[in-house]
Amino acid sequence: MKNILKLEELAMFALGIFMYGLLGYPWWLFLVLILTPDIGMLGYLFNPRLGAIGYNILHHKGIAILLYFFGMYLSFPVIEMIGVILFTHSSMDRVFGYGLKFDKGFKYTHLGEIGNNNG
């Protein structure tokens, strides 16, 4: 089951790349921005709860999709791009087993404990 979920996330990652291509922005910008959602981890410098909140906001696919549609509605392509970047990054992270965080600590995610190969 775990491999099927990773394949699904890989397909969503490919969809995100495709959607970025439709926006017409340069590809070098995609490469620069693809890791920016990880700034949400800065909250872990203060405490696990703040880290989980920051991380989850910038890695939640629902928020990413809402931003994309909000940008479409307002005819504001930069907001669309932000949504696509968040969606694509989140899919990429989940391929590698990084899920949304619990406030217990960084390694506790909705996909299981990071580093625990028992799942």
Protein backbone atom coordinates (compact mmCIF):
# COMPACT_ATOMS: atom_id res chain seq x y z
CA MET A 1 0.00 0.00 0.00
CA LYS A 2 2.82 2.38 0.85
CA ASN A 3 4.23 2.07 -2.69
CA ILE A 4 0.82 2.72 -4.24
CA LEU A 5 0.53 5.92 -2.20
CA LYS A 6 4.00 6.99 -3.30
CA LEU A 7 3.08 6.36 -6.94
CA GLU A 8 -0.05 8.46 -6.48
CA GLU A 9 2.04 11.28 -5.01
CA LEU A 10 4.50 10.95 -7.88
CA ALA A 11 1.60 11.37 -10.32
CA MET A 12 0.50 14.51 -8.44
CA PHE A 13 4.08 15.79 -8.56
CA ALA A 14 4.02 15.32 -12.35
CA LEU A 15 0.64 17.11 -12.48
CA GLY A 16 2.15 20.02 -10.55
CA ILE A 17 5.03 20.27 -13.02
CA PHE A 18 2.55 20.18 -15.90
CA MET A 19 0.42 22.91 -14.27
CA TYR A 20 3.50 25.07 -13.73
CA GLY A 21 4.33 24.72 -17.42
CA LEU A 22 0.86 26.00 -18.34
CA LEU A 23 1.47 29.19 -16.35
CA GLY A 24 4.29 30.27 -18.68
CA TYR A 25 6.82 31.23 -16.03
CA PRO A 26 10.49 30.39 -16.68
CA TRP A 27 11.68 26.97 -15.51
CA TRP A 28 14.63 28.41 -13.62
CA LEU A 29 12.08 30.11 -11.35
CA PHE A 30 10.44 26.74 -10.63
CA LEU A 31 13.83 25.35 -9.60
CA VAL A 32 14.43 28.32 -7.31
CA LEU A 33 10.99 28.19 -5.69
CA ILE A 34 10.35 24.44 -5.36
CA LEU A 35 12.01 24.24 -1.92
CA THR A 36 10.65 27.52 -0.50
CA PRO A 37 7.70 25.89 1.32
CA ASP A 38 10.27 24.38 3.69
CA ILE A 39 10.62 27.79 5.35
CA GLY A 40 7.64 26.59 7.38
CA MET A 41 10.09 24.43 9.33
CA LEU A 42 11.58 27.55 10.92
CA GLY A 43 8.91 27.31 13.61
CA TYR A 44 10.76 24.27 14.96
CA LEU A 45 13.45 26.67 16.16
CA PHE A 46 10.93 27.81 18.79
CA ASN A 47 8.93 24.69 19.63
CA PRO A 48 7.40 21.59 18.01
CA ARG A 49 3.85 22.99 18.02
CA LEU A 50 4.80 26.18 16.18
CA GLY A 51 6.94 24.13 13.80
CA ALA A 52 4.08 21.79 12.99
CA ILE A 53 1.69 24.70 12.37
CA GLY A 54 4.12 26.49 10.05
CA TYR A 55 5.05 23.34 8.21
CA ASN A 56 1.47 22.16 7.78
CA ILE A 57 0.20 25.49 6.44
CA LEU A 58 2.84 25.46 3.69
CA HIS A 59 2.43 21.74 2.94
CA HIS A 60 -1.35 21.39 2.91
CA LYS A 61 -2.62 20.51 -0.56
CA GLY A 62 -6.06 21.95 0.18
CA ILE A 63 -4.52 25.36 0.85
CA ALA A 64 -2.43 25.01 -2.31
CA ILE A 65 -5.50 24.23 -4.43
CA LEU A 66 -7.48 27.10 -2.88
CA LEU A 67 -4.64 29.51 -3.66
CA TYR A 68 -4.49 28.28 -7.25
CA PHE A 69 -8.24 28.76 -7.79
CA PHE A 70 -8.20 32.10 -5.95
CA GLY A 71 -5.47 33.25 -8.33
CA MET A 72 -7.53 32.06 -11.30
CA TYR A 73 -10.63 33.85 -10.01
CA LEU A 74 -8.73 37.11 -9.52
CA SER A 75 -6.75 36.67 -12.76
CA PHE A 76 -3.58 36.92 -10.66
CA PRO A 77 -1.07 34.40 -12.07
CA VAL A 78 1.44 34.90 -9.24
CA ILE A 79 -1.10 33.52 -6.75
CA GLU A 80 -1.76 30.61 -9.14
CA MET A 81 1.97 29.93 -9.26
CA ILE A 82 2.23 29.98 -5.46
CA GLY A 83 -0.56 27.39 -5.29
CA VAL A 84 1.14 25.20 -7.89
CA ILE A 85 4.51 25.44 -6.11
CA LEU A 86 2.94 24.49 -2.76
CA PHE A 87 1.04 21.58 -4.34
CA THR A 88 4.07 20.29 -6.25
CA HIS A 89 6.41 20.61 -3.29
CA SER A 90 3.95 18.81 -0.99
CA SER A 91 3.63 15.93 -3.47
CA MET A 92 7.41 15.72 -3.77
CA ASP A 93 7.79 15.61 0.01
CA ARG A 94 5.20 12.85 0.32
CA VAL A 95 6.99 10.73 -2.26
CA PHE A 96 9.90 10.77 0.20
CA GLY A 97 7.65 10.02 3.20
CA TYR A 98 7.36 13.51 4.67
CA GLY A 99 3.75 14.08 5.65
CA LEU A 100 1.87 16.70 7.60
CA LYS A 101 3.29 17.05 11.09
CA PHE A 102 1.92 16.37 14.53
CA ASP A 103 3.01 18.75 17.29
CA LYS A 104 4.90 15.90 19.00
CA GLY A 105 7.95 16.58 16.81
CA PHE A 106 9.15 16.77 13.22
CA LYS A 107 9.40 13.04 12.67
CA TYR A 108 5.74 12.37 13.60
CA THR A 109 3.59 12.69 10.48
CA HIS A 110 0.21 11.62 9.12
CA LEU A 111 2.12 9.09 7.00
CA GLY A 112 3.81 7.55 10.02
CA GLU A 113 7.04 8.17 11.83
CA ILE A 114 9.90 9.36 9.62
CA GLY A 115 12.72 6.83 9.76
CA ASN A 116 10.45 4.01 10.91
CA ASN A 117 10.55 1.35 8.19
CA ASN A 118 7.83 -0.77 9.77
CA GLY A 119 5.02 0.70 7.67
